[in-house]
Amino acid sequence: MTEAGDLRDRLVFQKRVEADDGHGNVKGGWQTQFTVAARVSPLKGNEAVQAQRLAGIQPYAITIRHSIGARAIDTSWRILDARDVKRVFNITAAAYDDRHQWIQLLATAGIAND
């Protein structure tokens, strides 16, 4: 069970956006949607997780408070660690609890998501 005191990390959620550069070309980039407190826990244990770790990919469970903005998160978004922007998480799945209190995200770090 997650409690407010467990949210010790600060994460920046970004959504991919595309814009016309005025010359008919589409240019992609990232736009920050919000920054929240979170709990980031590395996953360890089963064979699939061990295989990912051997490939240089670390899976994480990320927990944030439920909000209307956070319900829009999907696998096309990415997460930056606000204290270390070189640490980028790629979202692989999102789950919402029945009481609309927490959102649990599965994410990986160690692979590029440009």
Protein backbone atom coordinates (compact mmCIF):
# COMPACT_ATOMS: atom_id res chain seq x y z
CA MET A 1 0.00 0.00 0.00
CA THR A 2 1.45 3.35 -1.01
CA GLU A 3 1.21 6.32 1.33
CA ALA A 4 1.94 9.99 0.69
CA GLY A 5 5.27 9.75 2.56
CA ASP A 6 6.47 7.12 0.06
CA LEU A 7 6.42 9.64 -2.81
CA ARG A 8 10.06 10.70 -2.53
CA ASP A 9 10.93 11.11 -6.20
CA ARG A 10 10.05 14.03 -8.48
CA LEU A 11 9.11 13.13 -12.05
CA VAL A 12 8.37 15.18 -15.18
CA PHE A 13 5.80 13.69 -17.56
CA GLN A 14 6.19 14.58 -21.23
CA LYS A 15 3.99 13.96 -24.25
CA ARG A 16 5.24 13.74 -27.82
CA VAL A 17 4.06 16.64 -29.98
CA GLU A 18 4.46 17.31 -33.66
CA ALA A 19 4.48 20.74 -35.25
CA ASP A 20 4.74 22.07 -38.79
CA ASP A 21 7.99 23.99 -39.27
CA GLY A 22 6.36 26.33 -41.80
CA HIS A 23 8.00 24.63 -44.79
CA GLY A 24 5.77 21.57 -44.98
CA ASN A 25 7.96 19.46 -42.70
CA VAL A 26 6.73 17.92 -39.48
CA LYS A 27 9.05 18.30 -36.53
CA GLY A 28 8.60 16.17 -33.40
CA GLY A 29 9.54 16.99 -29.86
CA TRP A 30 8.51 16.60 -26.25
CA GLN A 31 6.23 18.89 -24.29
CA THR A 32 6.07 18.80 -20.49
CA GLN A 33 2.55 18.09 -19.24
CA PHE A 34 3.11 18.12 -15.46
CA THR A 35 5.58 17.38 -12.67
CA VAL A 36 4.56 15.22 -9.70
CA ALA A 37 5.88 13.45 -6.64
CA ALA A 38 6.24 9.72 -7.20
CA ARG A 39 7.52 6.45 -5.83
CA VAL A 40 10.03 4.75 -8.15
CA SER A 41 10.82 1.11 -7.35
CA PRO A 42 13.13 -1.09 -9.44
CA LEU A 43 11.62 -4.46 -10.30
CA LYS A 44 13.60 -7.60 -9.70
CA GLY A 45 12.91 -11.27 -9.56
CA ASN A 46 11.22 -13.15 -12.38
CA GLU A 47 12.95 -14.47 -15.50
CA ALA A 48 11.61 -11.75 -17.83
CA VAL A 49 12.93 -9.02 -15.53
CA GLN A 50 16.31 -10.75 -15.25
CA ALA A 51 16.53 -11.04 -19.06
CA GLN A 52 15.80 -7.32 -19.46
CA ARG A 53 18.45 -6.44 -16.90
CA LEU A 54 21.01 -8.55 -18.77
CA ALA A 55 20.17 -6.53 -21.88
CA GLY A 56 20.87 -3.28 -20.01
CA ILE A 57 17.21 -2.44 -19.47
CA GLN A 58 15.95 -1.90 -15.92
CA PRO A 59 12.19 -2.20 -15.37
CA TYR A 60 10.52 -0.01 -12.72
CA ALA A 61 7.16 0.28 -10.98
CA ILE A 62 6.22 3.95 -10.65
CA THR A 63 3.35 5.09 -8.44
CA ILE A 64 1.78 8.56 -8.63
CA ARG A 65 -1.39 10.11 -7.25
CA HIS A 66 -4.46 9.86 -9.43
CA SER A 67 -5.50 13.05 -11.23
CA ILE A 68 -7.47 13.94 -14.33
CA GLY A 69 -4.26 14.94 -16.14
CA ALA A 70 -2.51 11.74 -15.14
CA ARG A 71 -5.33 9.60 -16.56
CA ALA A 72 -4.23 10.76 -20.02
CA ILE A 73 -0.84 9.04 -19.67
CA ASP A 74 -0.21 6.29 -22.19
CA THR A 75 2.75 4.43 -23.64
CA SER A 76 3.59 7.23 -26.08
CA TRP A 77 4.61 9.46 -23.15
CA ARG A 78 7.96 9.49 -21.37
CA ILE A 79 9.10 10.38 -17.87
CA LEU A 80 12.17 12.36 -16.81
CA ASP A 81 13.66 12.29 -13.35
CA ALA A 82 13.39 15.96 -12.28
CA ARG A 83 16.60 15.64 -10.24
CA ASP A 84 18.56 13.90 -13.03
CA VAL A 85 17.11 14.72 -16.48
CA LYS A 86 19.48 12.23 -18.12
CA ARG A 87 17.44 9.48 -16.45
CA VAL A 88 14.57 8.78 -18.84
CA PHE A 89 11.80 6.23 -18.33
CA ASN A 90 9.77 4.75 -21.18
CA ILE A 91 6.23 3.83 -20.12
CA THR A 92 5.20 0.28 -21.00
CA ALA A 93 1.85 0.03 -19.15
CA ALA A 94 -0.50 1.95 -16.86
CA ALA A 95 -3.00 0.65 -14.30
CA TYR A 96 -5.54 2.59 -12.24
CA ASP A 97 -6.86 1.51 -8.85
CA ASP A 98 -10.58 1.10 -8.18
CA ARG A 99 -10.76 4.00 -5.73
CA HIS A 100 -9.09 6.51 -8.10
CA GLN A 101 -6.34 7.17 -5.60
CA TRP A 102 -3.16 5.91 -7.32
CA ILE A 103 -1.85 5.23 -10.80
CA GLN A 104 0.71 2.46 -11.18
CA LEU A 105 3.01 2.68 -14.21
CA LEU A 106 5.41 0.09 -15.53
CA ALA A 107 8.40 1.68 -17.19
CA THR A 108 11.90 0.88 -18.37
CA ALA A 109 15.13 2.82 -18.20
CA GLY A 110 18.24 2.13 -20.22
CA ILE A 111 16.85 2.34 -23.74
CA ALA A 112 16.43 5.42 -25.86
CA ASN A 113 13.03 6.93 -26.63
CA ASP A 114 13.79 9.87 -28.90
